[in-house]
Every structure is written in C-alpha cells, then in structure tokens.
PDB file of all heavy atoms in Angstrom:
ATOM      1  N   ALA A   1     164.773 106.152 102.884  1.00  0.00           N
ATOM      2  CA  ALA A   1     163.610 105.625 103.597  1.00  0.00           C
ATOM      3  C   ALA A   1     162.491 106.649 103.662  1.00  0.00           C
ATOM      4  O   ALA A   1     161.321 106.286 103.737  1.00  0.00           O
ATOM      5  CB  ALA A   1     163.998 105.193 105.009  1.00  0.00           C
ATOM      6  N   GLY A   2     162.834 107.940 103.672  1.00  0.00           N
ATOM      7  CA  GLY A   2     161.801 108.965 103.747  1.00  0.00           C
ATOM      8  C   GLY A   2     162.388 110.323 104.059  1.00  0.00           C
ATOM      9  O   GLY A   2     163.607 110.522 104.039  1.00  0.00           O
ATOM     10  N   LEU A   3     161.505 111.267 104.336  1.00  0.00           N
ATOM     11  CA  LEU A   3     161.896 112.644 104.621  1.00  0.00           C
ATOM     12  C   LEU A   3     161.439 113.031 106.023  1.00  0.00           C
ATOM     13  O   LEU A   3     160.383 112.614 106.487  1.00  0.00           O
ATOM     14  CB  LEU A   3     161.280 113.602 103.601  1.00  0.00           C
ATOM     15  CG  LEU A   3     161.795 113.493 102.171  1.00  0.00           C
ATOM     16  CD1 LEU A   3     160.874 114.253 101.231  1.00  0.00           C
ATOM     17  CD2 LEU A   3     163.208 114.033 102.065  1.00  0.00           C
ATOM     18  N   LEU A   4     162.247 113.855 106.674  1.00  0.00           N
ATOM     19  CA  LEU A   4     161.939 114.387 107.997  1.00  0.00           C
ATOM     20  C   LEU A   4     162.006 115.899 107.913  1.00  0.00           C
ATOM     21  O   LEU A   4     162.943 116.454 107.316  1.00  0.00           O
ATOM     22  CB  LEU A   4     162.958 113.876 109.027  1.00  0.00           C
ATOM     23  CG  LEU A   4     162.975 114.578 110.391  1.00  0.00           C
ATOM     24  CD1 LEU A   4     161.740 114.212 111.199  1.00  0.00           C
ATOM     25  CD2 LEU A   4     164.241 114.211 111.167  1.00  0.00           C
ATOM     26  N   THR A   5     161.020 116.572 108.463  1.00  0.00           N
ATOM     27  CA  THR A   5     161.079 118.029 108.544  1.00  0.00           C
ATOM     28  C   THR A   5     161.116 118.429 110.011  1.00  0.00           C
ATOM     29  O   THR A   5     160.357 117.900 110.833  1.00  0.00           O
ATOM     30  CB  THR A   5     159.884 118.694 107.827  1.00  0.00           C
ATOM     31  OG1 THR A   5     159.978 120.116 107.962  1.00  0.00           O
ATOM     32  CG2 THR A   5     158.554 118.213 108.363  1.00  0.00           C
ATOM     33  N   ALA A   6     162.037 119.330 110.356  1.00  0.00           N
ATOM     34  CA  ALA A   6     162.199 119.764 111.742  1.00  0.00           C
ATOM     35  C   ALA A   6     162.769 121.171 111.766  1.00  0.00           C
ATOM     36  O   ALA A   6     163.776 121.449 111.113  1.00  0.00           O
ATOM     37  CB  ALA A   6     163.129 118.814 112.499  1.00  0.00           C
ATOM     38  N   GLU A   7     162.093 122.057 112.499  1.00  0.00           N
ATOM     39  CA  GLU A   7     162.558 123.429 112.710  1.00  0.00           C
ATOM     40  C   GLU A   7     162.924 124.121 111.392  1.00  0.00           C
ATOM     41  O   GLU A   7     163.935 124.807 111.282  1.00  0.00           O
ATOM     42  CB  GLU A   7     163.758 123.429 113.664  1.00  0.00           C
ATOM     43  CG  GLU A   7     163.419 122.867 115.045  1.00  0.00           C
ATOM     44  CD  GLU A   7     164.619 122.846 115.969  1.00  0.00           C
ATOM     45  OE1 GLU A   7     165.755 123.013 115.476  1.00  0.00           O
ATOM     46  OE2 GLU A   7     164.421 122.673 117.175  1.00  0.00           O
ATOM     47  N   GLY A   8     162.067 123.944 110.405  1.00  0.00           N
ATOM     48  CA  GLY A   8     162.255 124.638 109.142  1.00  0.00           C
ATOM     49  C   GLY A   8     163.253 123.997 108.191  1.00  0.00           C
ATOM     50  O   GLY A   8     163.500 124.521 107.113  1.00  0.00           O
ATOM     51  N   ARG A   9     163.842 122.874 108.584  1.00  0.00           N
ATOM     52  CA  ARG A   9     164.800 122.188 107.708  1.00  0.00           C
ATOM     53  C   ARG A   9     164.246 120.835 107.279  1.00  0.00           C
ATOM     54  O   ARG A   9     163.432 120.236 107.967  1.00  0.00           O
ATOM     55  CB  ARG A   9     166.145 121.989 108.420  1.00  0.00           C
ATOM     56  CG  ARG A   9     166.876 123.284 108.755  1.00  0.00           C
ATOM     57  CD  ARG A   9     168.298 122.974 109.208  1.00  0.00           C
ATOM     58  NE  ARG A   9     169.056 124.173 109.469  1.00  0.00           N
ATOM     59  CZ  ARG A   9     169.245 124.699 110.682  1.00  0.00           C
ATOM     60  NH1 ARG A   9     168.718 124.100 111.739  1.00  0.00           N
ATOM     61  NH2 ARG A   9     169.956 125.792 110.840  1.00  0.00           N
ATOM     62  N   TRP A  10     164.756 120.368 106.123  1.00  0.00           N
ATOM     63  CA  TRP A  10     164.355 119.061 105.615  1.00  0.00           C
ATOM     64  C   TRP A  10     165.562 118.121 105.610  1.00  0.00           C
ATOM     65  O   TRP A  10     166.683 118.540 105.309  1.00  0.00           O
ATOM     66  CB  TRP A  10     163.803 119.182 104.192  1.00  0.00           C
ATOM     67  CG  TRP A  10     162.405 119.715 104.149  1.00  0.00           C
ATOM     68  CD1 TRP A  10     162.026 121.033 104.193  1.00  0.00           C
ATOM     69  CD2 TRP A  10     161.196 118.969 104.048  1.00  0.00           C
ATOM     70  NE1 TRP A  10     160.666 121.145 104.140  1.00  0.00           N
ATOM     71  CE2 TRP A  10     160.126 119.894 104.042  1.00  0.00           C
ATOM     72  CE3 TRP A  10     160.915 117.602 103.971  1.00  0.00           C
ATOM     73  CZ2 TRP A  10     158.799 119.496 103.947  1.00  0.00           C
ATOM     74  CZ3 TRP A  10     159.577 117.203 103.871  1.00  0.00           C
ATOM     75  CH2 TRP A  10     158.542 118.137 103.866  1.00  0.00           C
ATOM     76  N   TYR A  11     165.295 116.868 105.964  1.00  0.00           N
ATOM     77  CA  TYR A  11     166.345 115.857 106.026  1.00  0.00           C
ATOM     78  C   TYR A  11     165.923 114.635 105.212  1.00  0.00           C
ATOM     79  O   TYR A  11     164.768 114.199 105.281  1.00  0.00           O
ATOM     80  CB  TYR A  11     166.585 115.404 107.470  1.00  0.00           C
ATOM     81  CG  TYR A  11     167.032 116.494 108.411  1.00  0.00           C
ATOM     82  CD1 TYR A  11     166.095 117.384 108.958  1.00  0.00           C
ATOM     83  CD2 TYR A  11     168.362 116.644 108.783  1.00  0.00           C
ATOM     84  CE1 TYR A  11     166.480 118.391 109.829  1.00  0.00           C
ATOM     85  CE2 TYR A  11     168.762 117.641 109.670  1.00  0.00           C
ATOM     86  CZ  TYR A  11     167.814 118.514 110.181  1.00  0.00           C
ATOM     87  OH  TYR A  11     168.202 119.507 111.061  1.00  0.00           O
ATOM     88  N   LEU A  12     166.880 114.080 104.493  1.00  0.00           N
ATOM     89  CA  LEU A  12     166.685 112.778 103.866  1.00  0.00           C
ATOM     90  C   LEU A  12     167.141 111.721 104.869  1.00  0.00           C
ATOM     91  O   LEU A  12     168.284 111.751 105.325  1.00  0.00           O
ATOM     92  CB  LEU A  12     167.510 112.677 102.582  1.00  0.00           C
ATOM     93  CG  LEU A  12     167.630 111.276 101.971  1.00  0.00           C
ATOM     94  CD1 LEU A  12     166.275 110.775 101.489  1.00  0.00           C
ATOM     95  CD2 LEU A  12     168.651 111.281 100.824  1.00  0.00           C
ATOM     96  N   ILE A  13     166.246 110.812 105.219  1.00  0.00           N
ATOM     97  CA  ILE A  13     166.575 109.731 106.143  1.00  0.00           C
ATOM     98  C   ILE A  13     166.768 108.457 105.323  1.00  0.00           C
ATOM     99  O   ILE A  13     165.920 108.116 104.484  1.00  0.00           O
ATOM    100  CB  ILE A  13     165.466 109.502 107.182  1.00  0.00           C
ATOM    101  CG1 ILE A  13     165.115 110.815 107.888  1.00  0.00           C
ATOM    102  CG2 ILE A  13     165.894 108.443 108.200  1.00  0.00           C
ATOM    103  CD1 ILE A  13     166.258 111.449 108.637  1.00  0.00           C
ATOM    104  N   GLY A  14     167.875 107.772 105.531  1.00  0.00           N
ATOM    105  CA  GLY A  14     168.112 106.556 104.767  1.00  0.00           C
ATOM    106  C   GLY A  14     169.249 105.735 105.346  1.00  0.00           C
ATOM    107  O   GLY A  14     169.874 106.110 106.338  1.00  0.00           O
ATOM    108  N   TRP A  15     169.496 104.606 104.706  1.00  0.00           N
ATOM    109  CA  TRP A  15     170.594 103.732 105.103  1.00  0.00           C
ATOM    110  C   TRP A  15     171.824 104.122 104.302  1.00  0.00           C
ATOM    111  O   TRP A  15     171.828 104.060 103.083  1.00  0.00           O
ATOM    112  CB  TRP A  15     170.251 102.276 104.846  1.00  0.00           C
ATOM    113  CG  TRP A  15     171.343 101.331 105.218  1.00  0.00           C
ATOM    114  CD1 TRP A  15     172.303 100.821 104.394  1.00  0.00           C
ATOM    115  CD2 TRP A  15     171.619 100.808 106.527  1.00  0.00           C
ATOM    116  NE1 TRP A  15     173.161 100.000 105.097  1.00  0.00           N
ATOM    117  CE2 TRP A  15     172.752  99.964 106.417  1.00  0.00           C
ATOM    118  CE3 TRP A  15     171.014 100.956 107.772  1.00  0.00           C
ATOM    119  CZ2 TRP A  15     173.282  99.292 107.506  1.00  0.00           C
ATOM    120  CZ3 TRP A  15     171.539 100.275 108.853  1.00  0.00           C
ATOM    121  CH2 TRP A  15     172.661  99.462 108.718  1.00  0.00           C
ATOM    122  N   CYS A  16     172.855 104.588 105.020  1.00  0.00           N
ATOM    123  CA  CYS A  16     174.091 105.009 104.363  1.00  0.00           C
ATOM    124  C   CYS A  16     174.984 103.785 104.180  1.00  0.00           C
ATOM    125  O   CYS A  16     175.441 103.186 105.155  1.00  0.00           O
ATOM    126  CB  CYS A  16     174.798 106.067 105.202  1.00  0.00           C
ATOM    127  SG  CYS A  16     176.370 106.617 104.491  1.00  0.00           S
ATOM    128  N   ARG A  17     175.217 103.421 102.934  1.00  0.00           N
ATOM    129  CA  ARG A  17     176.063 102.263 102.669  1.00  0.00           C
ATOM    130  C   ARG A  17     177.511 102.534 103.066  1.00  0.00           C
ATOM    131  O   ARG A  17     178.239 101.619 103.462  1.00  0.00           O
ATOM    132  CB  ARG A  17     175.997 101.910 101.176  1.00  0.00           C
ATOM    133  CG  ARG A  17     174.668 101.324 100.746  1.00  0.00           C
ATOM    134  CD  ARG A  17     174.706 100.919  99.286  1.00  0.00           C
ATOM    135  NE  ARG A  17     173.533 100.149  98.907  1.00  0.00           N
ATOM    136  CZ  ARG A  17     173.340  99.680  97.684  1.00  0.00           C
ATOM    137  NH1 ARG A  17     174.236  99.924  96.728  1.00  0.00           N
ATOM    138  NH2 ARG A  17     172.258  98.975  97.408  1.00  0.00           N
ATOM    139  N   THR A  18     177.927 103.785 102.974  1.00  0.00           N
ATOM    140  CA  THR A  18     179.303 104.130 103.337  1.00  0.00           C
ATOM    141  C   THR A  18     179.541 103.927 104.823  1.00  0.00           C
ATOM    142  O   THR A  18     180.564 103.376 105.240  1.00  0.00           O
ATOM    143  CB  THR A  18     179.605 105.592 102.959  1.00  0.00           C
ATOM    144  OG1 THR A  18     179.285 105.792 101.580  1.00  0.00           O
ATOM    145  CG2 THR A  18     181.074 105.932 103.195  1.00  0.00           C
ATOM    146  N   ARG A  19     178.609 104.376 105.659  1.00  0.00           N
ATOM    147  CA  ARG A  19     178.736 104.261 107.115  1.00  0.00           C
ATOM    148  C   ARG A  19     178.101 102.979 107.661  1.00  0.00           C
ATOM    149  O   ARG A  19     178.219 102.692 108.844  1.00  0.00           O
ATOM    150  CB  ARG A  19     178.084 105.470 107.787  1.00  0.00           C
ATOM    151  CG  ARG A  19     178.718 106.805 107.413  1.00  0.00           C
ATOM    152  CD  ARG A  19     180.109 106.935 107.975  1.00  0.00           C
ATOM    153  NE  ARG A  19     180.653 108.257 107.748  1.00  0.00           N
ATOM    154  CZ  ARG A  19     181.474 108.578 106.756  1.00  0.00           C
ATOM    155  NH1 ARG A  19     181.854 107.642 105.886  1.00  0.00           N
ATOM    156  NH2 ARG A  19     181.917 109.810 106.614  1.00  0.00           N
ATOM    157  N   ARG A  20     177.386 102.254 106.812  1.00  0.00           N
ATOM    158  CA  ARG A  20     176.694 101.033 107.208  1.00  0.00           C
ATOM    159  C   ARG A  20     175.765 101.269 108.407  1.00  0.00           C
ATOM    160  O   ARG A  20     175.761 100.522 109.391  1.00  0.00           O
ATOM    161  CB  ARG A  20     177.697  99.915 107.539  1.00  0.00           C
ATOM    162  CG  ARG A  20     178.562  99.499 106.358  1.00  0.00           C
ATOM    163  CD  ARG A  20     179.537  98.419 106.757  1.00  0.00           C
ATOM    164  NE  ARG A  20     180.368  98.021 105.622  1.00  0.00           N
ATOM    165  CZ  ARG A  20     180.042  97.090 104.731  1.00  0.00           C
ATOM    166  NH1 ARG A  20     178.884  96.469 104.836  1.00  0.00           N
ATOM    167  NH2 ARG A  20     180.861  96.793 103.737  1.00  0.00           N
ATOM    168  N   ALA A  21     175.013 102.342 108.308  1.00  0.00           N
ATOM    169  CA  ALA A  21     174.102 102.707 109.393  1.00  0.00           C
ATOM    170  C   ALA A  21     173.059 103.679 108.865  1.00  0.00           C
ATOM    171  O   ALA A  21     173.223 104.276 107.796  1.00  0.00           O
ATOM    172  CB  ALA A  21     174.874 103.334 110.556  1.00  0.00           C
ATOM    173  N   GLY A  22     171.984 103.843 109.656  1.00  0.00           N
ATOM    174  CA  GLY A  22     170.983 104.833 109.307  1.00  0.00           C
ATOM    175  C   GLY A  22     171.530 106.237 109.531  1.00  0.00           C
ATOM    176  O   GLY A  22     172.226 106.487 110.515  1.00  0.00           O
ATOM    177  N   ARG A  23     171.238 107.136 108.633  1.00  0.00           N
ATOM    178  CA  ARG A  23     171.730 108.509 108.733  1.00  0.00           C
ATOM    179  C   ARG A  23     170.669 109.489 108.251  1.00  0.00           C
ATOM    180  O   ARG A  23     169.788 109.154 107.468  1.00  0.00           O
ATOM    181  CB  ARG A  23     172.993 108.705 107.885  1.00  0.00           C
ATOM    182  CG  ARG A  23     174.247 108.048 108.442  1.00  0.00           C
ATOM    183  CD  ARG A  23     174.739 108.769 109.690  1.00  0.00           C
ATOM    184  NE  ARG A  23     176.027 108.283 110.143  1.00  0.00           N
ATOM    185  CZ  ARG A  23     176.191 107.277 110.999  1.00  0.00           C
ATOM    186  NH1 ARG A  23     175.125 106.635 111.467  1.00  0.00           N
ATOM    187  NH2 ARG A  23     177.405 106.915 111.381  1.00  0.00           N
ATOM    188  N   GLY A  24     170.778 110.734 108.754  1.00  0.00           N
ATOM    189  CA  GLY A  24     169.952 111.834 108.274  1.00  0.00           C
ATOM    190  C   GLY A  24     170.830 112.841 107.559  1.00  0.00           C
ATOM    191  O   GLY A  24     171.896 113.220 108.064  1.00  0.00           O
ATOM    192  N   PHE A  25     170.419 113.268 106.370  1.00  0.00           N
ATOM    193  CA  PHE A  25     171.208 114.209 105.567  1.00  0.00           C
ATOM    194  C   PHE A  25     170.402 115.484 105.358  1.00  0.00           C
ATOM    195  O   PHE A  25     169.329 115.454 104.743  1.00  0.00           O
ATOM    196  CB  PHE A  25     171.561 113.590 104.214  1.00  0.00           C
ATOM    197  CG  PHE A  25     172.342 112.309 104.308  1.00  0.00           C
ATOM    198  CD1 PHE A  25     171.684 111.086 104.326  1.00  0.00           C
ATOM    199  CD2 PHE A  25     173.728 112.325 104.384  1.00  0.00           C
ATOM    200  CE1 PHE A  25     172.388 109.902 104.418  1.00  0.00           C
ATOM    201  CE2 PHE A  25     174.442 111.148 104.482  1.00  0.00           C
ATOM    202  CZ  PHE A  25     173.776 109.926 104.501  1.00  0.00           C
ATOM    203  N   ARG A  26     170.906 116.600 105.889  1.00  0.00           N
ATOM    204  CA  ARG A  26     170.232 117.882 105.663  1.00  0.00           C
ATOM    205  C   ARG A  26     170.275 118.222 104.184  1.00  0.00           C
ATOM    206  O   ARG A  26     171.347 118.243 103.574  1.00  0.00           O
ATOM    207  CB  ARG A  26     170.908 118.987 106.471  1.00  0.00           C
ATOM    208  CG  ARG A  26     170.281 119.215 107.821  1.00  0.00           C
ATOM    209  CD  ARG A  26     170.972 120.270 108.625  1.00  0.00           C
ATOM    210  NE  ARG A  26     171.147 121.539 107.928  1.00  0.00           N
ATOM    211  CZ  ARG A  26     171.655 122.626 108.498  1.00  0.00           C
ATOM    212  NH1 ARG A  26     172.050 122.564 109.771  1.00  0.00           N
ATOM    213  NH2 ARG A  26     171.785 123.743 107.826  1.00  0.00           N
TER     214      ARG A  26
END
C-alpha cells in the first residue's frame, strides 16, 4: 500500500495475505 518512515527506519505497509491483515514490515 505504501511506505512509512519513522525514527530513521523505513517500513513497507501492505496487506499480508499470510496473516490476512494489514502489516508493517521493517
């Protein structure tokens, strides 16, 4: 869905098909 930057780190935000939920991945 997009990217999030926080406290010097970057996260991929998306829908995880494995968990069937929205997740953030560092």
